[in-house]
Amino acid sequence: MQGYVLARPALGKAIVLDGFGGQSSDVTVLSHDGGKGYMVILGSSISGQGNFDATYSVVLFDGWKPRMLFKAEEGNNFGDCGDEGKVCEGRQVFQNPLAVTAVRYSGPDGKRTKASVSSKVVIP
């Protein structure tokens, strides 16, 4: 099984978090407030057939319930492009708890790409 398990050792309980996880999983704790719960970034990625995709979700846990505040997605097809005119394209994201910056790139091969940048304020 791949993904995340929310464990509460003091209670002797754990649950599997549906909808999160993949080939690799990362957790970054952003804040913890005893009254409001934990805010974390749950990262997951998958790859195959020359493609790579990752999702980073900012999640607030209120008790056992995860509430997704926002997510950012990145990926590319650099392992399966350039030949036979297939365009190379991708997106890379940089985030902090307040904003997400995305860099999109596209071109005829991995060396000749054009980039565009966008930012979004996502204050939870």
PDB file of N, CA and C in Angstrom:
ATOM      1  N   MET A   1       0.845  -1.175   0.000  1.00  0.00           N
ATOM      2  CA  MET A   1       0.000   0.000   0.000  1.00  0.00           C
ATOM      3  C   MET A   1       0.891   1.238   0.000  1.00  0.00           C
ATOM      4  N   GLN A   2       0.503   2.247  -0.755  1.00  0.00           N
ATOM      5  CA  GLN A   2       1.220   3.506  -0.795  1.00  0.00           C
ATOM      6  C   GLN A   2       0.279   4.611  -0.354  1.00  0.00           C
ATOM      7  N   GLY A   3       0.795   5.528   0.426  1.00  0.00           N
ATOM      8  CA  GLY A   3      -0.036   6.638   0.846  1.00  0.00           C
ATOM      9  C   GLY A   3       0.263   7.054   2.260  1.00  0.00           C
ATOM     10  N   TYR A   4      -0.738   7.643   2.902  1.00  0.00           N
ATOM     11  CA  TYR A   4      -0.568   8.199   4.234  1.00  0.00           C
ATOM     12  C   TYR A   4      -1.501   7.530   5.228  1.00  0.00           C
ATOM     13  N   VAL A   5      -1.001   7.413   6.443  1.00  0.00           N
ATOM     14  CA  VAL A   5      -1.796   6.914   7.558  1.00  0.00           C
ATOM     15  C   VAL A   5      -1.744   7.983   8.643  1.00  0.00           C
ATOM     16  N   LEU A   6      -2.903   8.395   9.127  1.00  0.00           N
ATOM     17  CA  LEU A   6      -2.976   9.335  10.239  1.00  0.00           C
ATOM     18  C   LEU A   6      -3.076   8.511  11.507  1.00  0.00           C
ATOM     19  N   ALA A   7      -2.046   8.598  12.347  1.00  0.00           N
ATOM     20  CA  ALA A   7      -2.000   7.806  13.578  1.00  0.00           C
ATOM     21  C   ALA A   7      -2.114   8.711  14.789  1.00  0.00           C
ATOM     22  N   ARG A   8      -2.868   8.279  15.754  1.00  0.00           N
ATOM     23  CA  ARG A   8      -3.015   8.970  17.031  1.00  0.00           C
ATOM     24  C   ARG A   8      -2.589   7.982  18.127  1.00  0.00           C
ATOM     25  N   PRO A   9      -1.263   7.923  18.400  1.00  0.00           N
ATOM     26  CA  PRO A   9      -0.750   6.938  19.365  1.00  0.00           C
ATOM     27  C   PRO A   9      -1.408   7.028  20.743  1.00  0.00           C
ATOM     28  N   ALA A  10      -1.690   8.234  21.198  1.00  0.00           N
ATOM     29  CA  ALA A  10      -2.301   8.374  22.525  1.00  0.00           C
ATOM     30  C   ALA A  10      -3.678   7.718  22.579  1.00  0.00           C
ATOM     31  N   LEU A  11      -4.349   7.677  21.422  1.00  0.00           N
ATOM     32  CA  LEU A  11      -5.672   7.052  21.354  1.00  0.00           C
ATOM     33  C   LEU A  11      -5.604   5.591  20.928  1.00  0.00           C
ATOM     34  N   GLY A  12      -4.432   5.169  20.452  1.00  0.00           N
ATOM     35  CA  GLY A  12      -4.284   3.799  19.972  1.00  0.00           C
ATOM     36  C   GLY A  12      -5.053   3.548  18.690  1.00  0.00           C
ATOM     37  N   LYS A  13      -5.198   4.582  17.826  1.00  0.00           N
ATOM     38  CA  LYS A  13      -5.980   4.458  16.597  1.00  0.00           C
ATOM     39  C   LYS A  13      -5.205   5.019  15.410  1.00  0.00           C
ATOM     40  N   ALA A  14      -5.572   4.553  14.219  1.00  0.00           N
ATOM     41  CA  ALA A  14      -4.987   5.051  12.966  1.00  0.00           C
ATOM     42  C   ALA A  14      -5.989   4.841  11.842  1.00  0.00           C
ATOM     43  N   ILE A  15      -5.943   5.743  10.838  1.00  0.00           N
ATOM     44  CA  ILE A  15      -6.787   5.598   9.652  1.00  0.00           C
ATOM     45  C   ILE A  15      -5.943   5.868   8.404  1.00  0.00           C
ATOM     46  N   VAL A  16      -6.337   5.268   7.299  1.00  0.00           N
ATOM     47  CA  VAL A  16      -5.705   5.528   6.004  1.00  0.00           C
ATOM     48  C   VAL A  16      -6.379   6.758   5.405  1.00  0.00           C
ATOM     49  N   LEU A  17      -5.572   7.698   4.907  1.00  0.00           N
ATOM     50  CA  LEU A  17      -6.113   8.908   4.285  1.00  0.00           C
ATOM     51  C   LEU A  17      -6.339   8.646   2.801  1.00  0.00           C
ATOM     52  N   ASP A  18      -7.573   8.488   2.416  1.00  0.00           N
ATOM     53  CA  ASP A  18      -7.909   8.250   1.020  1.00  0.00           C
ATOM     54  C   ASP A  18      -7.622   9.486   0.174  1.00  0.00           C
ATOM     55  N   GLY A  19      -7.130   9.273  -1.046  1.00  0.00           N
ATOM     56  CA  GLY A  19      -6.924  10.369  -1.985  1.00  0.00           C
ATOM     57  C   GLY A  19      -5.569  11.039  -1.904  1.00  0.00           C
ATOM     58  N   PHE A  20      -4.701  10.582  -1.037  1.00  0.00           N
ATOM     59  CA  PHE A  20      -3.363  11.151  -0.918  1.00  0.00           C
ATOM     60  C   PHE A  20      -2.339  10.028  -1.035  1.00  0.00           C
ATOM     61  N   GLY A  21      -1.170  10.341  -1.610  1.00  0.00           N
ATOM     62  CA  GLY A  21      -0.079   9.372  -1.676  1.00  0.00           C
ATOM     63  C   GLY A  21       0.238   8.965  -3.095  1.00  0.00           C
ATOM     64  N   GLY A  22       1.315   8.223  -3.259  1.00  0.00           N
ATOM     65  CA  GLY A  22       1.768   7.769  -4.564  1.00  0.00           C
ATOM     66  C   GLY A  22       3.084   7.040  -4.414  1.00  0.00           C
ATOM     67  N   GLN A  23       3.909   7.064  -5.466  1.00  0.00           N
ATOM     68  CA  GLN A  23       5.192   6.370  -5.402  1.00  0.00           C
ATOM     69  C   GLN A  23       6.092   6.937  -4.322  1.00  0.00           C
ATOM     70  N   SER A  24       6.029   8.218  -4.121  1.00  0.00           N
ATOM     71  CA  SER A  24       6.786   8.816  -3.019  1.00  0.00           C
ATOM     72  C   SER A  24       5.850   9.737  -2.259  1.00  0.00           C
ATOM     73  N   SER A  25       6.119   9.883  -0.996  1.00  0.00           N
ATOM     74  CA  SER A  25       5.249  10.698  -0.146  1.00  0.00           C
ATOM     75  C   SER A  25       6.111  11.543   0.777  1.00  0.00           C
ATOM     76  N   ASP A  26       5.762  12.824   0.903  1.00  0.00           N
ATOM     77  CA  ASP A  26       6.453  13.752   1.791  1.00  0.00           C
ATOM     78  C   ASP A  26       5.431  14.461   2.655  1.00  0.00           C
ATOM     79  N   VAL A  27       5.808  14.720   3.904  1.00  0.00           N
ATOM     80  CA  VAL A  27       4.962  15.486   4.811  1.00  0.00           C
ATOM     81  C   VAL A  27       5.778  16.654   5.342  1.00  0.00           C
ATOM     82  N   THR A  28       5.218  17.858   5.257  1.00  0.00           N
ATOM     83  CA  THR A  28       5.830  19.049   5.844  1.00  0.00           C
ATOM     84  C   THR A  28       4.807  19.666   6.782  1.00  0.00           C
ATOM     85  N   VAL A  29       5.129  19.767   8.060  1.00  0.00           N
ATOM     86  CA  VAL A  29       4.220  20.380   9.027  1.00  0.00           C
ATOM     87  C   VAL A  29       4.395  21.888   8.952  1.00  0.00           C
ATOM     88  N   LEU A  30       3.308  22.594   8.662  1.00  0.00           N
ATOM     89  CA  LEU A  30       3.338  24.056   8.569  1.00  0.00           C
ATOM     90  C   LEU A  30       2.993  24.715   9.894  1.00  0.00           C
ATOM     91  N   SER A  31       2.027  24.150  10.599  1.00  0.00           N
ATOM     92  CA  SER A  31       1.655  24.732  11.889  1.00  0.00           C
ATOM     93  C   SER A  31       0.920  23.697  12.722  1.00  0.00           C
ATOM     94  N   HIS A  32       0.925  23.937  14.023  1.00  0.00           N
ATOM     95  CA  HIS A  32       0.158  23.107  14.946  1.00  0.00           C
ATOM     96  C   HIS A  32      -0.420  24.009  16.016  1.00  0.00           C
ATOM     97  N   ASP A  33      -1.714  24.002  16.084  1.00  0.00           N
ATOM     98  CA  ASP A  33      -2.426  24.773  17.101  1.00  0.00           C
ATOM     99  C   ASP A  33      -3.325  23.773  17.812  1.00  0.00           C
ATOM    100  N   GLY A  34      -3.096  23.578  19.083  1.00  0.00           N
ATOM    101  CA  GLY A  34      -3.851  22.583  19.836  1.00  0.00           C
ATOM    102  C   GLY A  34      -5.351  22.677  19.645  1.00  0.00           C
ATOM    103  N   GLY A  35      -5.869  23.888  19.449  1.00  0.00           N
ATOM    104  CA  GLY A  35      -7.310  24.058  19.274  1.00  0.00           C
ATOM    105  C   GLY A  35      -7.785  23.888  17.845  1.00  0.00           C
ATOM    106  N   LYS A  36      -6.911  24.180  16.873  1.00  0.00           N
ATOM    107  CA  LYS A  36      -7.329  24.147  15.472  1.00  0.00           C
ATOM    108  C   LYS A  36      -6.736  22.996  14.685  1.00  0.00           C
ATOM    109  N   GLY A  37      -5.805  22.266  15.247  1.00  0.00           N
ATOM    110  CA  GLY A  37      -5.251  21.103  14.573  1.00  0.00           C
ATOM    111  C   GLY A  37      -3.954  21.387  13.850  1.00  0.00           C
ATOM    112  N   TYR A  38      -3.579  20.471  12.986  1.00  0.00           N
ATOM    113  CA  TYR A  38      -2.345  20.546  12.213  1.00  0.00           C
ATOM    114  C   TYR A  38      -2.616  21.036  10.801  1.00  0.00           C
ATOM    115  N   MET A  39      -1.716  21.853  10.263  1.00  0.00           N
ATOM    116  CA  MET A  39      -1.735  22.208   8.851  1.00  0.00           C
ATOM    117  C   MET A  39      -0.454  21.630   8.262  1.00  0.00           C
ATOM    118  N   VAL A  40      -0.590  20.805   7.225  1.00  0.00           N
ATOM    119  CA  VAL A  40       0.558  20.128   6.637  1.00  0.00           C
ATOM    120  C   VAL A  40       0.503  20.210   5.116  1.00  0.00           C
ATOM    121  N   ILE A  41       1.656  20.013   4.492  1.00  0.00           N
ATOM    122  CA  ILE A  41       1.716  19.798   3.042  1.00  0.00           C
ATOM    123  C   ILE A  41       1.939  18.308   2.843  1.00  0.00           C
ATOM    124  N   LEU A  42       1.026  17.664   2.119  1.00  0.00           N
ATOM    125  CA  LEU A  42       1.170  16.263   1.757  1.00  0.00           C
ATOM    126  C   LEU A  42       1.592  16.213   0.296  1.00  0.00           C
ATOM    127  N   GLY A  43       2.768  15.675   0.038  1.00  0.00           N
ATOM    128  CA  GLY A  43       3.274  15.575  -1.325  1.00  0.00           C
ATOM    129  C   GLY A  43       3.215  14.154  -1.811  1.00  0.00           C
ATOM    130  N   SER A  44       2.928  13.979  -3.085  1.00  0.00           N
ATOM    131  CA  SER A  44       2.924  12.644  -3.671  1.00  0.00           C
ATOM    132  C   SER A  44       3.337  12.748  -5.129  1.00  0.00           C
ATOM    133  N   SER A  45       3.923  11.672  -5.642  1.00  0.00           N
ATOM    134  CA  SER A  45       4.338  11.686  -7.043  1.00  0.00           C
ATOM    135  C   SER A  45       4.134  10.321  -7.676  1.00  0.00           C
ATOM    136  N   ILE A  46       4.020  10.348  -9.002  1.00  0.00           N
ATOM    137  CA  ILE A  46       3.920   9.129  -9.798  1.00  0.00           C
ATOM    138  C   ILE A  46       4.734   9.341 -11.068  1.00  0.00           C
ATOM    139  N   SER A  47       5.166   8.251 -11.660  1.00  0.00           N
ATOM    140  CA  SER A  47       5.888   8.355 -12.922  1.00  0.00           C
ATOM    141  C   SER A  47       5.668   7.081 -13.730  1.00  0.00           C
ATOM    142  N   GLY A  48       5.923   7.203 -15.022  1.00  0.00           N
ATOM    143  CA  GLY A  48       5.802   6.053 -15.909  1.00  0.00           C
ATOM    144  C   GLY A  48       5.659   6.490 -17.346  1.00  0.00           C
ATOM    145  N   GLN A  49       6.143   5.676 -18.250  1.00  0.00           N
ATOM    146  CA  GLN A  49       6.034   5.918 -19.685  1.00  0.00           C
ATOM    147  C   GLN A  49       6.620   7.272 -20.078  1.00  0.00           C
ATOM    148  N   GLY A  50       7.672   7.722 -19.366  1.00  0.00           N
ATOM    149  CA  GLY A  50       8.320   8.978 -19.717  1.00  0.00           C
ATOM    150  C   GLY A  50       7.688  10.213 -19.115  1.00  0.00           C
ATOM    151  N   ASN A  51       6.687  10.022 -18.271  1.00  0.00           N
ATOM    152  CA  ASN A  51       5.995  11.143 -17.638  1.00  0.00           C
ATOM    153  C   ASN A  51       6.227  11.132 -16.138  1.00  0.00           C
ATOM    154  N   PHE A  52       6.220  12.315 -15.550  1.00  0.00           N
ATOM    155  CA  PHE A  52       6.348  12.481 -14.098  1.00  0.00           C
ATOM    156  C   PHE A  52       5.289  13.471 -13.652  1.00  0.00           C
ATOM    157  N   ASP A  53       4.562  13.165 -12.595  1.00  0.00           N
ATOM    158  CA  ASP A  53       3.551  14.058 -12.046  1.00  0.00           C
ATOM    159  C   ASP A  53       3.639  14.061 -10.524  1.00  0.00           C
ATOM    160  N   ALA A  54       3.451  15.209  -9.927  1.00  0.00           N
ATOM    161  CA  ALA A  54       3.450  15.345  -8.470  1.00  0.00           C
ATOM    162  C   ALA A  54       2.350  16.303  -8.057  1.00  0.00           C
ATOM    163  N   THR A  55       1.810  16.070  -6.876  1.00  0.00           N
ATOM    164  CA  THR A  55       0.783  16.931  -6.300  1.00  0.00           C
ATOM    165  C   THR A  55       1.195  17.275  -4.879  1.00  0.00           C
ATOM    166  N   TYR A  56       1.027  18.546  -4.519  1.00  0.00           N
ATOM    167  CA  TYR A  56       1.311  19.017  -3.170  1.00  0.00           C
ATOM    168  C   TYR A  56       0.022  19.620  -2.634  1.00  0.00           C
ATOM    169  N   SER A  57      -0.518  19.012  -1.596  1.00  0.00           N
ATOM    170  CA  SER A  57      -1.791  19.463  -1.023  1.00  0.00           C
ATOM    171  C   SER A  57      -1.549  20.068   0.346  1.00  0.00           C
ATOM    172  N   VAL A  58      -2.077  21.269   0.571  1.00  0.00           N
ATOM    173  CA  VAL A  58      -2.050  21.867   1.901  1.00  0.00           C
ATOM    174  C   VAL A  58      -3.347  21.445   2.578  1.00  0.00           C
ATOM    175  N   VAL A  59      -3.172  20.715   3.680  1.00  0.00           N
ATOM    176  CA  VAL A  59      -4.304  20.086   4.347  1.00  0.00           C
ATOM    177  C   VAL A  59      -4.343  20.527   5.808  1.00  0.00           C
ATOM    178  N   LEU A  60      -5.545  20.812   6.290  1.00  0.00           N
ATOM    179  CA  LEU A  60      -5.759  21.134   7.697  1.00  0.00           C
ATOM    180  C   LEU A  60      -6.494  19.953   8.313  1.00  0.00           C
ATOM    181  N   PHE A  61      -5.939  19.409   9.384  1.00  0.00           N
ATOM    182  CA  PHE A  61      -6.586  18.300  10.081  1.00  0.00           C
ATOM    183  C   PHE A  61      -7.348  18.841  11.277  1.00  0.00           C
ATOM    184  N   ASP A  62      -8.637  18.591  11.266  1.00  0.00           N
ATOM    185  CA  ASP A  62      -9.491  18.920  12.398  1.00  0.00           C
ATOM    186  C   ASP A  62      -9.937  17.580  12.966  1.00  0.00           C
ATOM    187  N   GLY A  63      -9.263  17.131  13.990  1.00  0.00           N
ATOM    188  CA  GLY A  63      -9.533  15.784  14.495  1.00  0.00           C
ATOM    189  C   GLY A  63      -9.055  14.767  13.470  1.00  0.00           C
ATOM    190  N   TRP A  64      -9.960  13.906  13.045  1.00  0.00           N
ATOM    191  CA  TRP A  64      -9.620  12.863  12.072  1.00  0.00           C
ATOM    192  C   TRP A  64      -9.884  13.290  10.631  1.00  0.00           C
ATOM    193  N   LYS A  65     -10.536  14.421  10.439  1.00  0.00           N
ATOM    194  CA  LYS A  65     -10.944  14.823   9.092  1.00  0.00           C
ATOM    195  C   LYS A  65      -9.907  15.728   8.432  1.00  0.00           C
ATOM    196  N   PRO A  66      -9.400  15.303   7.259  1.00  0.00           N
ATOM    197  CA  PRO A  66      -8.528  16.207   6.503  1.00  0.00           C
ATOM    198  C   PRO A  66      -9.383  17.159   5.672  1.00  0.00           C
ATOM    199  N   ARG A  67      -9.021  18.428   5.681  1.00  0.00           N
ATOM    200  CA  ARG A  67      -9.707  19.414   4.836  1.00  0.00           C
ATOM    201  C   ARG A  67      -8.655  20.037   3.934  1.00  0.00           C
ATOM    202  N   MET A  68      -8.768  19.782   2.618  1.00  0.00           N
ATOM    203  CA  MET A  68      -7.796  20.314   1.671  1.00  0.00           C
ATOM    204  C   MET A  68      -8.072  21.797   1.458  1.00  0.00           C
ATOM    205  N   LEU A  69      -7.049  22.620   1.727  1.00  0.00           N
ATOM    206  CA  LEU A  69      -7.179  24.060   1.536  1.00  0.00           C
ATOM    207  C   LEU A  69      -6.843  24.443   0.105  1.00  0.00           C
ATOM    208  N   PHE A  70      -5.797  23.836  -0.461  1.00  0.00           N
ATOM    209  CA  PHE A  70      -5.474  24.008  -1.873  1.00  0.00           C
ATOM    210  C   PHE A  70      -4.439  22.971  -2.273  1.00  0.00           C
ATOM    211  N   LYS A  71      -4.274  22.796  -3.575  1.00  0.00           N
ATOM    212  CA  LYS A  71      -3.241  21.888  -4.050  1.00  0.00           C
ATOM    213  C   LYS A  71      -2.557  22.496  -5.263  1.00  0.00           C
ATOM    214  N   ALA A  72      -1.321  22.092  -5.451  1.00  0.00           N
ATOM    215  CA  ALA A  72      -0.522  22.538  -6.592  1.00  0.00           C
ATOM    216  C   ALA A  72       0.015  21.287  -7.276  1.00  0.00           C
ATOM    217  N   GLU A  73       0.006  21.301  -8.606  1.00  0.00           N
ATOM    218  CA  GLU A  73       0.434  20.132  -9.369  1.00  0.00           C
ATOM    219  C   GLU A  73       1.579  20.499 -10.293  1.00  0.00           C
ATOM    220  N   GLU A  74       2.512  19.561 -10.437  1.00  0.00           N
ATOM    221  CA  GLU A  74       3.610  19.757 -11.369  1.00  0.00           C
ATOM    222  C   GLU A  74       3.901  18.443 -12.079  1.00  0.00           C
ATOM    223  N   GLY A  75       4.687  18.539 -13.153  1.00  0.00           N
ATOM    224  CA  GLY A  75       5.065  17.340 -13.879  1.00  0.00           C
ATOM    225  C   GLY A  75       5.669  17.688 -15.222  1.00  0.00           C
ATOM    226  N   ASN A  76       6.118  16.660 -15.922  1.00  0.00           N
ATOM    227  CA  ASN A  76       6.649  16.863 -17.266  1.00  0.00           C
ATOM    228  C   ASN A  76       6.621  15.546 -18.029  1.00  0.00           C
ATOM    229  N   ASN A  77       6.841  15.663 -19.333  1.00  0.00           N
ATOM    230  CA  ASN A  77       6.893  14.494 -20.192  1.00  0.00           C
ATOM    231  C   ASN A  77       8.279  14.361 -20.841  1.00  0.00           C
ATOM    232  N   PHE A  78       9.320  14.843 -20.178  1.00  0.00           N
ATOM    233  CA  PHE A  78      10.654  14.900 -20.777  1.00  0.00           C
ATOM    234  C   PHE A  78      11.228  13.532 -21.121  1.00  0.00           C
ATOM    235  N   GLY A  79      10.717  12.477 -20.557  1.00  0.00           N
ATOM    236  CA  GLY A  79      11.188  11.142 -20.915  1.00  0.00           C
ATOM    237  C   GLY A  79      10.503  10.576 -22.145  1.00  0.00           C
ATOM    238  N   ASP A  80       9.539  11.303 -22.687  1.00  0.00           N
ATOM    239  CA  ASP A  80       8.762  10.798 -23.827  1.00  0.00           C
ATOM    240  C   ASP A  80       8.410  11.942 -24.782  1.00  0.00           C
ATOM    241  N   CYS A  81       9.393  12.775 -25.127  1.00  0.00           N
ATOM    242  CA  CYS A  81       9.105  13.874 -26.038  1.00  0.00           C
ATOM    243  C   CYS A  81      10.332  14.166 -26.895  1.00  0.00           C
ATOM    244  N   GLY A  82      10.150  15.037 -27.859  1.00  0.00           N
ATOM    245  CA  GLY A  82      11.254  15.441 -28.735  1.00  0.00           C
ATOM    246  C   GLY A  82      11.329  14.640 -30.016  1.00  0.00           C
ATOM    247  N   ASP A  83      11.059  13.352 -29.945  1.00  0.00           N
ATOM    248  CA  ASP A  83      11.072  12.512 -31.145  1.00  0.00           C
ATOM    249  C   ASP A  83       9.738  12.612 -31.868  1.00  0.00           C
ATOM    250  N   GLU A  84       9.796  12.501 -33.174  1.00  0.00           N
ATOM    251  CA  GLU A  84       8.593  12.493 -34.009  1.00  0.00           C
ATOM    252  C   GLU A  84       7.710  13.710 -33.757  1.00  0.00           C
ATOM    253  N   GLY A  85       8.323  14.838 -33.415  1.00  0.00           N
ATOM    254  CA  GLY A  85       7.579  16.080 -33.261  1.00  0.00           C
ATOM    255  C   GLY A  85       6.759  16.206 -32.002  1.00  0.00           C
ATOM    256  N   LYS A  86       6.906  15.285 -31.061  1.00  0.00           N
ATOM    257  CA  LYS A  86       6.140  15.370 -29.820  1.00  0.00           C
ATOM    258  C   LYS A  86       6.710  16.492 -28.952  1.00  0.00           C
ATOM    259  N   VAL A  87       5.864  17.451 -28.592  1.00  0.00           N
ATOM    260  CA  VAL A  87       6.268  18.626 -27.833  1.00  0.00           C
ATOM    261  C   VAL A  87       6.655  18.222 -26.414  1.00  0.00           C
ATOM    262  N   CYS A  88       7.753  18.803 -25.909  1.00  0.00           N
ATOM    263  CA  CYS A  88       8.145  18.629 -24.510  1.00  0.00           C
ATOM    264  C   CYS A  88       7.459  19.723 -23.702  1.00  0.00           C
ATOM    265  N   GLU A  89       6.813  19.347 -22.616  1.00  0.00           N
ATOM    266  CA  GLU A  89       6.151  20.339 -21.797  1.00  0.00           C
ATOM    267  C   GLU A  89       6.131  19.910 -20.342  1.00  0.00           C
ATOM    268  N   GLY A  90       5.960  20.889 -19.493  1.00  0.00           N
ATOM    269  CA  GLY A  90       5.916  20.585 -18.072  1.00  0.00           C
ATOM    270  C   GLY A  90       5.541  21.792 -17.260  1.00  0.00           C
ATOM    271  N   ARG A  91       5.498  21.577 -15.965  1.00  0.00           N
ATOM    272  CA  ARG A  91       5.136  22.620 -15.003  1.00  0.00           C
ATOM    273  C   ARG A  91       5.860  22.309 -13.709  1.00  0.00           C
ATOM    274  N   GLN A  92       6.472  23.317 -13.132  1.00  0.00           N
ATOM    275  CA  GLN A  92       7.135  23.174 -11.842  1.00  0.00           C
ATOM    276  C   GLN A  92       6.537  24.195 -10.891  1.00  0.00           C
ATOM    277  N   VAL A  93       6.252  23.789  -9.655  1.00  0.00           N
ATOM    278  CA  VAL A  93       5.652  24.702  -8.691  1.00  0.00           C
ATOM    279  C   VAL A  93       6.583  24.925  -7.509  1.00  0.00           C
ATOM    280  N   PHE A  94       6.492  26.125  -6.975  1.00  0.00           N
ATOM    281  CA  PHE A  94       7.209  26.509  -5.771  1.00  0.00           C
ATOM    282  C   PHE A  94       6.153  27.077  -4.842  1.00  0.00           C
ATOM    283  N   GLN A  95       6.106  26.587  -3.609  1.00  0.00           N
ATOM    284  CA  GLN A  95       5.033  27.038  -2.737  1.00  0.00           C
ATOM    285  C   GLN A  95       5.527  27.288  -1.323  1.00  0.00           C
ATOM    286  N   ASN A  96       4.779  28.137  -0.674  1.00  0.00           N
ATOM    287  CA  ASN A  96       4.900  28.330   0.754  1.00  0.00           C
ATOM    288  C   ASN A  96       3.465  28.438   1.261  1.00  0.00           C
ATOM    289  N   PRO A  97       3.235  28.579   2.545  1.00  0.00           N
ATOM    290  CA  PRO A  97       1.844  28.595   3.026  1.00  0.00           C
ATOM    291  C   PRO A  97       1.001  29.747   2.496  1.00  0.00           C
ATOM    292  N   LEU A  98       1.613  30.757   1.895  1.00  0.00           N
ATOM    293  CA  LEU A  98       0.857  31.924   1.451  1.00  0.00           C
ATOM    294  C   LEU A  98       0.648  32.002  -0.051  1.00  0.00           C
ATOM    295  N   ALA A  99       1.529  31.405  -0.844  1.00  0.00           N
ATOM    296  CA  ALA A  99       1.443  31.568  -2.291  1.00  0.00           C
ATOM    297  C   ALA A  99       2.040  30.365  -3.019  1.00  0.00           C
ATOM    298  N   VAL A 100       1.603  30.196  -4.266  1.00  0.00           N
ATOM    299  CA  VAL A 100       2.147  29.172  -5.155  1.00  0.00           C
ATOM    300  C   VAL A 100       2.608  29.872  -6.421  1.00  0.00           C
ATOM    301  N   THR A 101       3.830  29.600  -6.832  1.00  0.00           N
ATOM    302  CA  THR A 101       4.351  30.104  -8.093  1.00  0.00           C
ATOM    303  C   THR A 101       4.551  28.915  -9.014  1.00  0.00           C
ATOM    304  N   ALA A 102       4.017  29.016 -10.225  1.00  0.00           N
ATOM    305  CA  ALA A 102       4.129  27.936 -11.201  1.00  0.00           C
ATOM    306  C   ALA A 102       4.938  28.406 -12.398  1.00  0.00           C
ATOM    307  N   VAL A 103       5.841  27.574 -12.844  1.00  0.00           N
ATOM    308  CA  VAL A 103       6.613  27.829 -14.053  1.00  0.00           C
ATOM    309  C   VAL A 103       6.197  26.769 -15.063  1.00  0.00           C
ATOM    310  N   ARG A 104       5.606  27.208 -16.177  1.00  0.00           N
ATOM    311  CA  ARG A 104       5.203  26.293 -17.257  1.00  0.00           C
ATOM    312  C   ARG A 104       6.218  26.412 -18.370  1.00  0.00           C
ATOM    313  N   TYR A 105       6.557  25.286 -18.975  1.00  0.00           N
ATOM    314  CA  TYR A 105       7.495  25.322 -20.075  1.00  0.00           C
ATOM    315  C   TYR A 105       7.044  24.357 -21.158  1.00  0.00           C
ATOM    316  N   SER A 106       7.366  24.732 -22.403  1.00  0.00           N
ATOM    317  CA  SER A 106       6.961  23.933 -23.554  1.00  0.00           C
ATOM    318  C   SER A 106       7.911  24.229 -24.703  1.00  0.00           C
ATOM    319  N   GLY A 107       8.195  23.226 -25.511  1.00  0.00           N
ATOM    320  CA  GLY A 107       9.064  23.411 -26.662  1.00  0.00           C
ATOM    321  C   GLY A 107       9.224  22.131 -27.456  1.00  0.00           C
ATOM    322  N   PRO A 108       9.916  22.213 -28.600  1.00  0.00           N
ATOM    323  CA  PRO A 108      10.053  21.047 -29.467  1.00  0.00           C
ATOM    324  C   PRO A 108      10.930  19.945 -28.868  1.00  0.00           C
ATOM    325  N   ASP A 109      11.791  20.275 -27.912  1.00  0.00           N
ATOM    326  CA  ASP A 109      12.600  19.276 -27.235  1.00  0.00           C
ATOM    327  C   ASP A 109      12.996  19.821 -25.867  1.00  0.00           C
ATOM    328  N   GLY A 110      13.693  19.009 -25.069  1.00  0.00           N
ATOM    329  CA  GLY A 110      14.041  19.417 -23.713  1.00  0.00           C
ATOM    330  C   GLY A 110      14.994  20.584 -23.625  1.00  0.00           C
ATOM    331  N   LYS A 111      15.679  20.912 -24.711  1.00  0.00           N
ATOM    332  CA  LYS A 111      16.655  22.001 -24.692  1.00  0.00           C
ATOM    333  C   LYS A 111      16.086  23.317 -25.211  1.00  0.00           C
ATOM    334  N   ARG A 112      15.054  23.259 -26.011  1.00  0.00           N
ATOM    335  CA  ARG A 112      14.484  24.477 -26.607  1.00  0.00           C
ATOM    336  C   ARG A 112      13.062  24.686 -26.107  1.00  0.00           C
ATOM    337  N   THR A 113      12.946  25.135 -24.872  1.00  0.00           N
ATOM    338  CA  THR A 113      11.625  25.373 -24.297  1.00  0.00           C
ATOM    339  C   THR A 113      11.457  26.848 -23.962  1.00  0.00           C
ATOM    340  N   LYS A 114      10.218  27.292 -23.979  1.00  0.00           N
ATOM    341  CA  LYS A 114       9.867  28.646 -23.556  1.00  0.00           C
ATOM    342  C   LYS A 114       9.114  28.523 -22.236  1.00  0.00           C
ATOM    343  N   ALA A 115       9.349  29.473 -21.357  1.00  0.00           N
ATOM    344  CA  ALA A 115       8.745  29.406 -20.032  1.00  0.00           C
ATOM    345  C   ALA A 115       7.820  30.587 -19.782  1.00  0.00           C
ATOM    346  N   SER A 116       6.816  30.352 -18.957  1.00  0.00           N
ATOM    347  CA  SER A 116       5.950  31.424 -18.462  1.00  0.00           C
ATOM    348  C   SER A 116       5.773  31.201 -16.961  1.00  0.00           C
ATOM    349  N   VAL A 117       5.595  32.279 -16.232  1.00  0.00           N
ATOM    350  CA  VAL A 117       5.502  32.209 -14.771  1.00  0.00           C
ATOM    351  C   VAL A 117       4.183  32.816 -14.319  1.00  0.00           C
ATOM    352  N   SER A 118       3.539  32.169 -13.349  1.00  0.00           N
ATOM    353  CA  SER A 118       2.326  32.731 -12.744  1.00  0.00           C
ATOM    354  C   SER A 118       2.383  32.499 -11.240  1.00  0.00           C
ATOM    355  N   SER A 119       1.763  33.387 -10.493  1.00  0.00           N
ATOM    356  CA  SER A 119       1.706  33.250  -9.040  1.00  0.00           C
ATOM    357  C   SER A 119       0.285  33.431  -8.567  1.00  0.00           C
ATOM    358  N   LYS A 120      -0.033  32.757  -7.457  1.00  0.00           N
ATOM    359  CA  LYS A 120      -1.373  32.841  -6.892  1.00  0.00           C
ATOM    360  C   LYS A 120      -1.244  32.900  -5.372  1.00  0.00           C
ATOM    361  N   VAL A 121      -1.891  33.856  -4.767  1.00  0.00           N
ATOM    362  CA  VAL A 121      -1.912  33.947  -3.309  1.00  0.00           C
ATOM    363  C   VAL A 121      -2.984  32.986  -2.804  1.00  0.00           C
ATOM    364  N   VAL A 122      -2.624  32.143  -1.859  1.00  0.00           N
ATOM    365  CA  VAL A 122      -3.537  31.094  -1.380  1.00  0.00           C
ATOM    366  C   VAL A 122      -3.598  31.085   0.142  1.00  0.00           C
ATOM    367  N   ILE A 123      -3.696  32.232   0.737  1.00  0.00           N
ATOM    368  CA  ILE A 123      -3.730  32.316   2.207  1.00  0.00           C
ATOM    369  C   ILE A 123      -4.895  31.494   2.724  1.00  0.00           C
ATOM    370  N   PRO A 124      -4.600  30.467   3.520  1.00  0.00           N
ATOM    371  CA  PRO A 124      -5.686  29.602   4.025  1.00  0.00           C
ATOM    372  C   PRO A 124      -6.525  30.300   5.074  1.00  0.00           C
TER     373      PRO A 124
END
